[in-house]
Amino acid sequence: MLELHALLDVTDCHWESIDSQPNYWYEGRCPQSGELLRLPRTRMSEDLARGLMQYLAADGAYDREGKMYGILLVEMPSGEQGILKAFSGLLKGCSIVEGWVPPIPGRDRVAFEEARTLTQLEAMKQELIALNQLPQRQEYEALFREFEVQMQVLSDRHRNRKLQRDEKRQLLCQTLPAETLEIALEQLNQESRLEKIERRQLKRQRDETLQPLKQLIEAADRRMRALKQQRKELSRELQTQMHAAYTLMNFLGKSISISSLMPTNSIPTGTGDCCAPKLLHYAAVHNLKPLAMAEFWWGPPSGDKIQGEFYAACGDRCQPLMGFLLSGLAQNPIVSNDEDFTGGLEAHRTSNNFYCGTGILPVTQMLPIIYEDKWLIAVNKPSGLLSVPGRYLENQDSVFSRLRNLLADSFNLTVVHRLDGETSGILLLARDKETSSQLRQLFAKKQVHKVYEAVLSGTVNVDTGTIDLPLWGDPENRPYQQVNWECGKPSVTRFQVMAREGNCDRVEFLPLTGRTHQLRVHAADVRGLGIPILGDGLYGCRAAANRLHLHARELSFEHPQLGETLYLKAETPF
């Protein structure tokens, strides 16, 4: 039965008569043929999704439960059009809600195990809460502070007495004869020994009072660590069973389990419960032809998710399933016409960059590849191009997007690290999950040597040095970063002046950490170099420049598969 919502019933509309310009593509490569398959998010599907938003807004309960929602415009065998709608995860605690696309089948086969595991997880959660709120923790803290005060009072008193004894010793040595001086000094030494005994007694009293409480708290902490590990293992085991049970169908009529599509030990929790897989699976099962889809967030903000905003398919849960789910779906000419990729769509201009209505530039706009093997790729990213797609249409063009459309084996392609859009230079991408994980570990362990080159908008008084300023990103003023000694993360940069070029200095930066805008802030802040990088208007450069003069020039690391040191270099373009 087709799930239609009254507010969204558009069966009287005609697809050809409605503006179908894509604002985003849901895409994936067919596992069998490698063909790139696409389904658009159009302005029409966004308008239909806004109708669903109005429906959600009418019930305040939806505002309290933040989650993704989606609609799928479909064509029925009769030629009529209709709307499917779905929610991610559970809606008001239920997986099946009348009028909404049901969950992907298979969950019912593990329903008993799921209920049993969820009961166990809830019991563990309550025990964790109880252990964390042990009254002995507060009792220990109160007694500890009380003894600290007593120790401080005692220490102050002993210090004052010691000063008095020192003064008395000096006076006695000046006034008493030798035979009586020894007796007087021994009396002062005895006072000192008695004070040490008094201090030891207080410490012993403190330890005897606090030790039982400390042992109980340590036992509770050990139990909490064990419970957290058990919860993690139980959750992972349940997710594994659910992913093996979840069965997806595509438009070729083929079915497969999620675990077969994502053969990894770390399938993200919730895979298969998102809107896009639920909508496409339902359409395939019921012989409905998808025409356009749109997903949006509704409810309290979460991370970068804002109510009413449209979002792409999530990269870890949905994107790996797209190639299979779209297989067999007849491609609309606007989707599959590779000779004229824009499909006659209007090209827009933002600043100095063009992008197509698809949000993806033609693959003819090649990227300079400076190294490539079957495990990884290194490109020389130009200034003005993002490393990965942004949230909105004008930010879809990126190194990742171009390579995904250029390479036949791009299914597992991942960007290992990031460069600012304005920064040029070496960007590293992995071609499989294992290599991606290994490279990320190298970056995390600071085993990747990075060299940047920049031109400052002024001159500095030192030739070399190290900048150690913690950085913090204000969530109310993204992406701006600032030095913050309380909330900031450790950020360290070595620098060396390469040349004095008139009123500007050419500098080599060696970042020992990899924070957002690290080099830009360390250059601009008065506690760093105090001179913004040329072209960096965000951090105070007022000099005219055609770009940010910052370039990732060199990268060296041990190749995770070959075991050899890989040295990469991209000549500085300015």
Protein backbone atom coordinates (compact mmCIF):
# COMPACT_ATOMS: atom_id res chain seq x y z
CA MET A 1 0.00 0.00 0.00
CA LEU A 2 1.41 3.40 -0.98
CA GLU A 3 1.98 5.59 2.07
CA LEU A 4 0.61 9.06 1.17
CA HIS A 5 0.11 12.05 3.41
CA ALA A 6 -2.91 14.21 2.62
CA LEU A 7 -0.89 17.42 2.60
CA LEU A 8 1.60 15.89 0.22
CA ASP A 9 -0.68 14.10 -2.25
CA VAL A 10 0.47 15.39 -5.67
CA THR A 11 -0.92 12.71 -7.92
CA ASP A 12 -2.54 15.39 -10.07
CA CYS A 13 0.84 17.01 -10.83
CA HIS A 14 2.97 16.15 -13.84
CA TRP A 15 6.74 15.71 -13.50
CA GLU A 16 7.46 17.27 -16.88
CA SER A 17 5.62 20.47 -16.00
CA ILE A 18 7.54 21.19 -12.82
CA ASP A 19 11.01 22.72 -12.57
CA SER A 20 13.32 19.74 -11.99
CA GLN A 21 16.64 21.50 -11.55
CA PRO A 22 18.70 19.42 -9.12
CA ASN A 23 20.10 21.08 -6.03
CA TYR A 24 21.92 17.91 -4.94
CA TRP A 25 22.49 14.36 -6.23
CA TYR A 26 22.05 11.18 -4.23
CA GLU A 27 24.56 8.97 -5.96
CA GLY A 28 26.49 5.73 -5.83
CA ARG A 29 28.21 3.27 -8.12
CA CYS A 30 26.48 0.06 -9.14
CA PRO A 31 28.39 -2.80 -7.41
CA GLN A 32 28.17 -4.92 -10.60
CA SER A 33 28.85 -2.49 -13.44
CA GLY A 34 30.61 0.37 -11.67
CA GLU A 35 28.18 2.82 -13.35
CA LEU A 36 27.60 6.03 -11.44
CA LEU A 37 23.88 6.20 -10.59
CA ARG A 38 22.12 9.37 -9.46
CA LEU A 39 18.81 10.50 -8.02
CA PRO A 40 18.22 14.28 -7.75
CA ARG A 41 17.01 16.49 -4.98
CA THR A 42 15.10 19.14 -6.91
CA ARG A 43 13.41 22.36 -5.96
CA MET A 44 10.12 20.57 -6.40
CA SER A 45 11.07 17.83 -3.92
CA GLU A 46 12.27 20.51 -1.49
CA ASP A 47 8.92 22.29 -1.78
CA LEU A 48 7.14 19.01 -1.08
CA ALA A 49 9.40 18.45 1.91
CA ARG A 50 8.46 21.91 3.20
CA GLY A 51 4.86 20.74 3.10
CA LEU A 52 5.87 17.94 5.43
CA MET A 53 7.61 20.51 7.63
CA GLN A 54 4.30 22.37 7.95
CA TYR A 55 2.65 19.12 9.02
CA LEU A 56 5.37 18.55 11.65
CA ALA A 57 5.17 22.15 12.86
CA ALA A 58 1.47 21.72 13.59
CA ASP A 59 2.30 19.16 16.29
CA GLY A 60 4.67 20.46 18.97
CA ALA A 61 5.72 16.90 19.86
CA TYR A 62 7.86 16.76 16.72
CA ASP A 63 9.80 19.85 17.81
CA ARG A 64 11.08 18.04 20.89
CA GLU A 65 12.54 15.01 19.08
CA GLY A 66 15.36 15.97 16.73
CA LYS A 67 15.80 13.66 13.75
CA MET A 68 16.06 13.45 9.97
CA TYR A 69 12.91 13.22 7.84
CA GLY A 70 12.63 12.57 4.12
CA ILE A 71 10.23 12.45 1.21
CA LEU A 72 10.48 10.53 -2.05
CA LEU A 73 8.54 11.63 -5.11
CA VAL A 74 7.59 8.46 -7.01
CA GLU A 75 5.77 7.42 -10.17
CA MET A 76 3.33 4.55 -9.78
CA PRO A 77 2.82 1.86 -12.46
CA SER A 78 -0.35 3.75 -13.46
CA GLY A 79 1.72 6.82 -14.32
CA GLU A 80 0.36 8.79 -11.38
CA GLN A 81 2.74 10.41 -8.96
CA GLY A 82 2.77 10.22 -5.19
CA ILE A 83 4.85 10.91 -2.13
CA LEU A 84 6.47 8.53 0.33
CA LYS A 85 7.65 9.93 3.64
CA ALA A 86 9.98 8.47 6.24
CA PHE A 87 11.73 9.26 9.51
CA SER A 88 15.08 8.08 10.78
CA GLY A 89 15.24 5.66 13.70
CA LEU A 90 12.16 5.74 15.92
CA LEU A 91 9.30 8.23 15.95
CA LYS A 92 7.86 8.80 19.43
CA GLY A 93 9.46 5.52 20.45
CA CYS A 94 7.93 3.48 17.61
CA SER A 95 9.50 2.05 14.46
CA ILE A 96 6.14 1.53 12.70
CA VAL A 97 3.84 4.56 12.46
CA GLU A 98 0.73 4.70 10.28
CA GLY A 99 1.21 6.84 7.18
CA TRP A 100 5.00 6.52 7.21
CA VAL A 101 7.26 4.12 5.33
CA PRO A 102 7.96 1.13 7.61
CA PRO A 103 11.45 0.08 8.65
CA ILE A 104 13.54 -2.14 6.42
CA PRO A 105 12.43 -5.76 6.97
CA GLY A 106 14.48 -8.10 9.05
CA ARG A 107 14.29 -6.30 12.35
CA ASP A 108 11.34 -8.46 13.33
CA ARG A 109 13.59 -11.55 13.08
CA VAL A 110 15.76 -10.20 15.88
CA ALA A 111 12.93 -8.52 17.79
CA PHE A 112 13.17 -10.87 20.79
CA GLU A 113 16.95 -10.52 20.98
CA GLU A 114 16.63 -6.77 20.54
CA ALA A 115 14.09 -6.48 23.37
CA ARG A 116 16.23 -8.67 25.65
CA THR A 117 19.39 -6.70 24.87
CA LEU A 118 17.67 -3.34 25.27
CA THR A 119 16.42 -4.47 28.69
CA GLN A 120 19.96 -5.43 29.65
CA LEU A 121 21.34 -2.15 28.35
CA GLU A 122 18.75 -0.17 30.30
CA ALA A 123 19.57 -2.10 33.50
CA MET A 124 23.26 -1.37 32.95
CA LYS A 125 22.48 2.29 32.33
CA GLN A 126 20.58 2.58 35.60
CA GLU A 127 23.39 0.81 37.49
CA LEU A 128 25.90 3.22 35.93
CA ILE A 129 23.80 6.17 37.04
CA ALA A 130 23.59 4.78 40.57
CA LEU A 131 27.33 4.10 40.73
CA ASN A 132 28.09 7.56 39.43
CA GLN A 133 25.83 9.12 42.05
CA LEU A 134 27.12 7.13 45.05
CA PRO A 135 26.63 9.23 48.21
CA GLN A 136 30.11 8.14 49.31
CA ARG A 137 31.59 10.22 46.47
CA GLN A 138 30.21 13.44 47.93
CA GLU A 139 31.13 12.30 51.44
CA TYR A 140 34.71 11.63 50.32
CA GLU A 141 34.98 15.02 48.62
CA ALA A 142 33.61 16.85 51.68
CA LEU A 143 35.93 15.04 54.10
CA PHE A 144 38.89 15.45 51.77
CA ARG A 145 38.34 19.22 51.61
CA GLU A 146 37.90 19.34 55.40
CA PHE A 147 41.23 17.57 55.98
CA GLU A 148 42.89 19.80 53.40
CA VAL A 149 41.78 22.84 55.41
CA GLN A 150 43.06 21.27 58.65
CA MET A 151 46.39 20.42 57.03
CA GLN A 152 46.72 23.97 55.73
CA VAL A 153 45.93 25.48 59.16
CA LEU A 154 48.45 23.13 60.79
CA SER A 155 51.10 23.93 58.16
CA ASP A 156 50.61 27.67 58.67
CA ARG A 157 50.91 27.30 62.45
CA HIS A 158 54.04 25.15 62.18
CA ARG A 159 55.59 27.58 59.71
CA ASN A 160 55.08 30.49 62.08
CA ARG A 161 56.51 28.51 65.00
CA LYS A 162 59.52 27.51 62.93
CA LEU A 163 60.22 31.16 62.17
CA GLN A 164 59.96 31.94 65.89
CA ARG A 165 62.37 29.09 66.76
CA ASP A 166 64.85 30.26 64.13
CA GLU A 167 64.83 33.75 65.62
CA LYS A 168 65.17 32.33 69.17
CA ARG A 169 68.08 30.09 68.13
CA GLN A 170 69.90 33.09 66.72
CA LEU A 171 69.32 35.06 69.92
CA LEU A 172 70.33 32.15 72.16
CA CYS A 173 73.54 31.61 70.23
CA GLN A 174 74.42 35.24 70.85
CA THR A 175 73.57 35.39 74.57
CA LEU A 176 73.96 31.97 76.26
CA PRO A 177 77.17 30.29 77.27
CA ALA A 178 78.03 26.97 75.67
CA GLU A 179 77.04 24.75 78.62
CA THR A 180 73.43 26.09 78.73
CA LEU A 181 73.07 26.74 74.97
CA GLU A 182 73.02 23.02 74.15
CA ILE A 183 70.12 22.41 76.56
CA ALA A 184 68.12 25.35 75.16
CA LEU A 185 68.67 24.27 71.55
CA GLU A 186 67.58 20.72 72.38
CA GLN A 187 64.30 22.08 73.76
CA LEU A 188 63.69 23.87 70.44
CA ASN A 189 64.51 20.69 68.48
CA GLN A 190 62.07 18.76 70.66
CA GLU A 191 59.32 21.26 69.74
CA SER A 192 60.09 20.66 66.04
CA ARG A 193 59.90 16.88 66.49
CA LEU A 194 56.57 17.16 68.30
CA GLU A 195 55.17 19.23 65.42
CA LYS A 196 56.25 16.56 62.91
CA ILE A 197 54.52 13.95 65.06
CA GLU A 198 51.39 16.12 65.13
CA ARG A 199 51.47 16.36 61.30
CA ARG A 200 51.91 12.60 60.89
CA GLN A 201 49.01 11.94 63.27
CA LEU A 202 46.70 14.19 61.24
CA LYS A 203 47.75 12.46 58.00
CA ARG A 204 47.12 9.07 59.60
CA GLN A 205 43.69 10.20 60.78
CA ARG A 206 42.94 11.49 57.26
CA ASP A 207 44.02 8.25 55.61
CA GLU A 208 42.13 6.04 58.08
CA THR A 209 38.99 8.09 57.47
CA LEU A 210 39.23 8.41 53.69
CA GLN A 211 40.75 5.05 52.71
CA PRO A 212 37.54 2.95 53.12
CA LEU A 213 35.60 5.51 51.10
CA LYS A 214 38.34 5.64 48.46
CA GLN A 215 38.38 1.85 48.13
CA LEU A 216 34.62 1.77 47.72
CA ILE A 217 34.76 4.52 45.05
CA GLU A 218 37.59 2.77 43.19
CA ALA A 219 35.58 -0.47 43.20
CA ALA A 220 32.58 1.46 41.83
CA ASP A 221 34.78 2.99 39.10
CA ARG A 222 36.09 -0.45 38.13
CA ARG A 223 32.53 -1.71 37.94
CA MET A 224 31.56 1.29 35.79
CA ARG A 225 34.41 0.61 33.35
CA ALA A 226 33.39 -3.04 33.13
CA LEU A 227 29.73 -2.10 32.59
CA LYS A 228 30.62 0.38 29.85
CA GLN A 229 32.67 -2.27 28.08
CA GLN A 230 29.81 -4.78 28.42
CA ARG A 231 27.34 -2.23 27.05
CA LYS A 232 29.61 -1.57 24.10
CA GLU A 233 29.99 -5.28 23.35
CA LEU A 234 26.25 -5.95 23.75
CA SER A 235 25.38 -3.03 21.47
CA ARG A 236 27.91 -4.14 18.88
CA GLU A 237 26.60 -7.72 18.98
CA LEU A 238 23.00 -6.54 18.59
CA GLN A 239 23.93 -4.22 15.72
CA THR A 240 25.78 -7.08 14.00
CA GLN A 241 22.70 -9.31 14.27
CA MET A 242 20.43 -6.54 13.02
CA HIS A 243 22.67 -5.68 10.08
CA ALA A 244 22.80 -9.35 9.10
CA ALA A 245 19.00 -9.54 9.34
CA TYR A 246 18.22 -6.27 7.54
CA THR A 247 17.56 -7.08 3.88
CA LEU A 248 17.59 -4.36 1.23
CA MET A 249 16.05 -4.66 -2.24
CA ASN A 250 17.06 -2.64 -5.29
CA PHE A 251 15.33 -1.89 -8.59
CA LEU A 252 16.85 -4.98 -10.21
CA GLY A 253 14.81 -7.04 -7.74
CA LYS A 254 17.92 -8.24 -5.92
CA SER A 255 18.05 -8.50 -2.14
CA ILE A 256 21.08 -8.42 0.13
CA SER A 257 21.84 -7.91 3.82
CA ILE A 258 23.39 -4.70 5.05
CA SER A 259 26.31 -6.63 6.53
CA SER A 260 27.07 -8.00 3.06
CA LEU A 261 27.09 -4.49 1.61
CA MET A 262 29.32 -3.16 4.37
CA PRO A 263 31.73 -5.98 5.24
CA THR A 264 33.44 -4.33 8.18
CA ASN A 265 33.62 -4.80 11.92
CA SER A 266 32.61 -1.21 12.53
CA ILE A 267 29.30 -0.70 10.75
CA PRO A 268 27.91 2.51 12.27
CA THR A 269 25.00 2.20 14.66
CA GLY A 270 21.73 3.01 12.95
CA THR A 271 22.80 1.91 9.47
CA GLY A 272 19.62 1.01 7.59
CA ASP A 273 17.42 3.14 9.84
CA CYS A 274 17.96 6.40 7.91
CA CYS A 275 15.32 7.90 5.64
CA ALA A 276 16.97 7.39 2.24
CA PRO A 277 17.47 3.59 2.51
CA LYS A 278 13.97 3.12 3.90
CA LEU A 279 12.40 5.17 1.10
CA LEU A 280 14.35 3.56 -1.75
CA HIS A 281 13.85 0.04 -0.44
CA TYR A 282 10.10 0.59 -0.08
CA ALA A 283 9.88 2.00 -3.60
CA ALA A 284 11.78 -0.97 -5.05
CA VAL A 285 9.61 -3.51 -3.24
CA HIS A 286 6.38 -1.84 -4.42
CA ASN A 287 7.45 -1.24 -8.03
CA LEU A 288 7.50 2.55 -7.67
CA LYS A 289 9.85 4.67 -9.76
CA PRO A 290 11.72 7.31 -7.73
CA LEU A 291 11.84 10.74 -9.36
CA ALA A 292 13.37 12.95 -6.67
CA MET A 293 14.15 12.81 -2.95
CA ALA A 294 14.82 15.33 -0.16
CA GLU A 295 15.95 14.88 3.46
CA PHE A 296 15.87 17.51 6.20
CA TRP A 297 16.37 17.92 9.94
CA TRP A 298 13.47 18.73 12.26
CA GLY A 299 13.60 19.35 15.99
CA PRO A 300 16.20 20.78 18.38
CA PRO A 301 19.60 21.52 16.76
CA SER A 302 22.17 18.73 17.01
CA GLY A 303 25.79 19.26 16.04
CA ASP A 304 25.64 21.05 12.70
CA LYS A 305 22.01 20.04 12.11
CA ILE A 306 19.52 22.93 12.04
CA GLN A 307 15.73 22.61 11.89
CA GLY A 308 14.32 23.02 8.39
CA GLU A 309 17.69 22.68 6.61
CA PHE A 310 18.23 20.12 3.84
CA TYR A 311 21.14 17.70 4.13
CA ALA A 312 22.98 15.22 1.94
CA ALA A 313 23.02 11.48 2.50
CA CYS A 314 25.17 10.77 5.57
CA GLY A 315 28.59 9.58 4.54
CA ASP A 316 29.04 6.69 6.98
CA ARG A 317 25.56 5.11 7.08
CA CYS A 318 23.73 5.88 3.82
CA GLN A 319 26.35 6.62 1.19
CA PRO A 320 27.84 3.09 1.18
CA LEU A 321 24.35 1.68 0.43
CA MET A 322 23.42 4.07 -2.39
CA GLY A 323 25.11 2.22 -5.25
CA PHE A 324 23.16 -0.97 -4.50
CA LEU A 325 19.86 0.76 -3.74
CA LEU A 326 19.88 2.75 -7.00
CA SER A 327 20.89 -0.23 -9.15
CA GLY A 328 18.26 -0.94 -11.79
CA LEU A 329 16.71 2.51 -11.52
CA ALA A 330 16.23 3.94 -15.01
CA GLN A 331 18.33 7.09 -15.22
CA ASN A 332 16.53 10.27 -16.21
CA PRO A 333 18.40 12.00 -19.10
CA ILE A 334 19.12 14.88 -16.76
CA VAL A 335 20.93 12.38 -14.55
CA SER A 336 22.86 10.18 -16.96
CA ASN A 337 23.89 12.52 -19.77
CA ASP A 338 27.68 12.46 -19.31
CA GLU A 339 28.46 14.22 -22.58
CA ASP A 340 26.66 17.35 -21.38
CA PHE A 341 26.92 16.85 -17.66
CA THR A 342 25.06 20.02 -16.75
CA GLY A 343 21.99 18.78 -18.59
CA GLY A 344 21.27 22.27 -19.85
CA LEU A 345 21.15 23.58 -16.29
CA GLU A 346 22.03 27.16 -15.54
CA ALA A 347 25.58 27.70 -14.24
CA HIS A 348 25.79 29.97 -11.22
CA ARG A 349 28.69 32.12 -10.08
CA THR A 350 29.83 32.75 -6.53
CA SER A 351 32.90 34.97 -6.01
CA ASN A 352 35.40 33.68 -8.57
CA ASN A 353 34.09 30.11 -8.73
CA PHE A 354 31.51 28.55 -11.01
CA TYR A 355 29.36 25.61 -10.08
CA CYS A 356 26.66 23.76 -11.95
CA GLY A 357 23.12 23.26 -10.79
CA THR A 358 24.11 19.67 -10.02
CA GLY A 359 26.55 20.94 -7.46
CA ILE A 360 29.31 18.90 -9.17
CA LEU A 361 31.69 20.28 -11.74
CA PRO A 362 32.33 18.35 -14.97
CA VAL A 363 35.06 15.78 -14.61
CA THR A 364 37.00 17.59 -17.34
CA GLN A 365 38.09 20.03 -14.63
CA MET A 366 40.93 17.77 -13.61
CA LEU A 367 42.94 17.95 -10.40
CA PRO A 368 46.74 17.80 -10.43
CA ILE A 369 47.53 14.33 -9.07
CA ILE A 370 51.09 14.29 -7.69
CA TYR A 371 51.07 10.67 -6.46
CA GLU A 372 48.79 7.70 -7.00
CA ASP A 373 48.83 3.99 -6.24
CA LYS A 374 46.13 1.41 -5.51
CA TRP A 375 45.94 2.49 -1.84
CA LEU A 376 46.07 6.27 -1.85
CA ILE A 377 46.05 9.44 -3.93
CA ALA A 378 47.71 12.80 -3.29
CA VAL A 379 46.50 15.86 -5.19
CA ASN A 380 47.72 19.44 -5.39
CA LYS A 381 44.55 21.24 -4.27
CA PRO A 382 44.12 24.70 -5.80
CA SER A 383 43.19 27.66 -3.65
CA GLY A 384 39.43 28.27 -3.59
CA LEU A 385 38.42 24.59 -3.80
CA LEU A 386 37.00 22.77 -0.76
CA SER A 387 38.51 19.50 0.43
CA VAL A 388 35.05 17.91 0.92
CA PRO A 389 31.54 19.08 -0.04
CA GLY A 390 29.89 21.67 2.17
CA ARG A 391 26.30 21.75 3.34
CA TYR A 392 24.79 24.01 0.69
CA LEU A 393 24.51 23.90 -3.10
CA GLU A 394 27.21 26.47 -3.75
CA ASN A 395 29.65 24.42 -1.63
CA GLN A 396 29.24 21.04 -3.32
CA ASP A 397 32.28 21.34 -5.58
CA SER A 398 35.33 19.84 -3.86
CA VAL A 399 38.36 17.63 -4.33
CA PHE A 400 36.35 14.69 -3.02
CA SER A 401 33.40 15.36 -5.37
CA ARG A 402 35.60 15.64 -8.43
CA LEU A 403 37.55 12.47 -7.68
CA ARG A 404 34.36 10.57 -6.86
CA ASN A 405 33.12 11.36 -10.36
CA LEU A 406 36.48 10.81 -12.02
CA LEU A 407 37.66 7.50 -10.57
CA ALA A 408 36.03 4.17 -11.31
CA ASP A 409 37.04 2.72 -7.93
CA SER A 410 35.94 5.63 -5.78
CA PHE A 411 33.37 3.74 -3.68
CA ASN A 412 35.59 3.73 -0.55
CA LEU A 413 37.42 6.98 -1.27
CA THR A 414 37.95 9.11 1.86
CA VAL A 415 39.72 12.38 2.58
CA VAL A 416 42.27 11.63 5.31
CA HIS A 417 42.85 15.23 6.43
CA ARG A 418 41.59 18.69 5.45
CA LEU A 419 42.94 21.91 3.99
CA ASP A 420 41.08 25.22 4.25
CA GLY A 421 39.29 26.15 1.04
CA GLU A 422 41.62 29.13 0.56
CA THR A 423 44.78 27.07 1.23
CA SER A 424 46.46 25.29 -1.68
CA GLY A 425 48.73 22.27 -1.60
CA ILE A 426 48.97 18.57 -0.88
CA LEU A 427 45.75 16.79 0.10
CA LEU A 428 45.83 13.07 0.87
CA LEU A 429 42.98 10.64 0.12
CA ALA A 430 42.71 6.92 0.83
CA ARG A 431 41.14 4.43 -1.59
CA ASP A 432 40.12 1.79 0.95
CA LYS A 433 38.96 1.74 4.56
CA GLU A 434 42.03 0.01 5.96
CA THR A 435 44.43 2.53 4.43
CA SER A 436 42.19 5.38 5.55
CA SER A 437 42.27 4.15 9.15
CA GLN A 438 46.04 3.66 9.07
CA LEU A 439 46.70 7.11 7.63
CA ARG A 440 44.40 8.77 10.18
CA GLN A 441 46.35 7.04 12.94
CA LEU A 442 49.60 8.40 11.52
CA PHE A 443 48.16 11.92 11.61
CA ALA A 444 46.78 11.40 15.14
CA LYS A 445 50.16 10.11 16.38
CA LYS A 446 51.97 13.07 14.75
CA GLN A 447 53.92 10.73 12.47
CA VAL A 448 53.22 12.80 9.35
CA HIS A 449 55.76 15.55 8.65
CA LYS A 450 54.06 18.65 7.21
CA VAL A 451 55.68 21.75 5.76
CA TYR A 452 53.71 24.86 4.75
CA GLU A 453 54.92 27.99 3.01
CA ALA A 454 53.33 31.40 3.47
CA VAL A 455 53.86 35.05 2.73
CA LEU A 456 53.10 37.40 5.63
CA SER A 457 51.50 40.79 5.08
CA GLY A 458 54.37 42.41 6.96
CA THR A 459 57.72 41.69 8.58
CA VAL A 460 58.69 40.02 11.86
CA ASN A 461 61.60 40.72 14.19
CA VAL A 462 62.71 37.10 14.67
CA ASP A 463 64.02 34.59 12.15
CA THR A 464 62.95 31.34 13.80
CA GLY A 465 61.01 30.07 16.78
CA THR A 466 58.06 28.08 18.15
CA ILE A 467 54.50 29.33 18.70
CA ASP A 468 52.48 27.55 21.42
CA LEU A 469 48.99 29.06 21.62
CA PRO A 470 45.87 26.94 22.39
CA LEU A 471 43.03 27.43 19.89
CA TRP A 472 39.27 27.41 20.39
CA GLY A 473 36.47 27.78 17.88
CA ASP A 474 33.58 29.94 19.01
CA PRO A 475 30.40 27.99 18.02
CA GLU A 476 28.60 31.32 17.61
CA ASN A 477 31.20 32.63 15.14
CA ARG A 478 32.28 29.75 12.92
CA PRO A 479 34.78 29.16 11.39
CA TYR A 480 36.71 31.85 13.30
CA GLN A 481 39.30 30.49 15.74
CA GLN A 482 40.88 32.33 18.65
CA VAL A 483 43.49 31.84 21.35
CA ASN A 484 41.81 30.65 24.55
CA TRP A 485 43.90 29.46 27.49
CA GLU A 486 40.94 27.85 29.29
CA CYS A 487 38.99 26.11 26.50
CA GLY A 488 41.56 25.95 23.71
CA LYS A 489 43.24 22.79 22.41
CA PRO A 490 47.06 22.60 22.40
CA SER A 491 48.41 24.06 19.14
CA VAL A 492 52.13 24.22 18.37
CA THR A 493 53.86 25.58 15.26
CA ARG A 494 57.53 25.95 14.43
CA PHE A 495 58.49 28.66 11.96
CA GLN A 496 61.48 29.98 10.06
CA VAL A 497 61.79 33.08 7.89
CA MET A 498 62.88 32.00 4.41
CA ALA A 499 63.32 35.41 2.80
CA ARG A 500 62.63 39.12 3.26
CA GLU A 501 60.67 40.31 0.23
CA GLY A 502 60.21 44.06 0.50
CA ASN A 503 57.55 44.73 3.10
CA CYS A 504 56.62 41.05 3.37
CA ASP A 505 58.34 37.99 4.84
CA ARG A 506 58.26 34.54 3.26
CA VAL A 507 57.93 32.00 6.08
CA GLU A 508 58.13 28.23 6.39
CA PHE A 509 55.71 26.71 8.91
CA LEU A 510 56.04 23.25 10.49
CA PRO A 511 52.79 22.53 12.39
CA LEU A 512 53.25 19.98 15.17
CA THR A 513 49.48 19.83 15.71
CA GLY A 514 46.67 20.09 13.19
CA ARG A 515 44.04 22.52 14.47
CA THR A 516 41.58 24.43 12.29
CA HIS A 517 43.16 27.68 11.03
CA GLN A 518 46.19 26.98 13.23
CA LEU A 519 48.80 28.63 11.01
CA ARG A 520 46.54 31.56 10.22
CA VAL A 521 45.87 32.36 13.90
CA HIS A 522 49.47 31.72 14.99
CA ALA A 523 50.60 34.17 12.32
CA ALA A 524 48.01 36.87 13.05
CA ASP A 525 47.79 36.81 16.86
CA VAL A 526 50.02 39.32 18.68
CA ARG A 527 51.21 36.51 20.95
CA GLY A 528 52.39 34.65 17.83
CA LEU A 529 53.99 36.47 14.92
CA GLY A 530 51.52 39.34 15.08
CA ILE A 531 51.34 39.59 11.25
CA PRO A 532 48.39 38.06 9.28
CA ILE A 533 49.14 35.92 6.24
CA LEU A 534 48.80 37.90 3.01
CA GLY A 535 45.22 37.62 1.74
CA ASP A 536 43.79 36.46 5.08
CA GLY A 537 40.98 38.99 5.57
CA LEU A 538 39.35 36.78 8.22
CA TYR A 539 42.26 37.39 10.56
CA GLY A 540 42.93 41.02 9.85
CA CYS A 541 44.95 41.31 6.64
CA ARG A 542 44.06 44.60 4.91
CA ALA A 543 46.61 44.39 2.10
CA ALA A 544 45.33 43.67 -1.43
CA ALA A 545 45.89 40.06 -2.54
CA ASN A 546 44.38 37.70 -5.08
CA ARG A 547 44.36 34.72 -2.69
CA LEU A 548 45.42 33.44 0.72
CA HIS A 549 49.19 33.05 0.48
CA LEU A 550 49.36 29.75 2.33
CA HIS A 551 50.46 26.51 0.65
CA ALA A 552 50.86 22.92 1.95
CA ARG A 553 54.22 22.33 0.27
CA GLU A 554 55.53 19.04 1.64
CA LEU A 555 54.17 15.86 3.23
CA SER A 556 56.19 12.83 4.30
CA PHE A 557 55.18 9.67 6.14
CA GLU A 558 55.65 5.92 6.14
CA HIS A 559 53.42 4.35 3.50
CA PRO A 560 51.04 2.12 5.52
CA GLN A 561 51.11 -0.68 2.93
CA LEU A 562 54.58 -0.44 1.39
CA GLY A 563 56.44 0.34 4.61
CA GLU A 564 58.59 2.91 2.82
CA THR A 565 58.89 6.63 3.53
CA LEU A 566 56.81 8.57 1.02
CA TYR A 567 57.94 12.13 0.38
CA LEU A 568 55.53 14.40 -1.50
CA LYS A 569 56.12 17.95 -2.66
CA ALA A 570 54.00 20.52 -4.52
CA GLU A 571 55.80 23.65 -5.64
CA THR A 572 54.54 26.88 -4.09
CA PRO A 573 52.47 28.82 -6.70
CA PHE A 574 53.12 32.31 -5.31
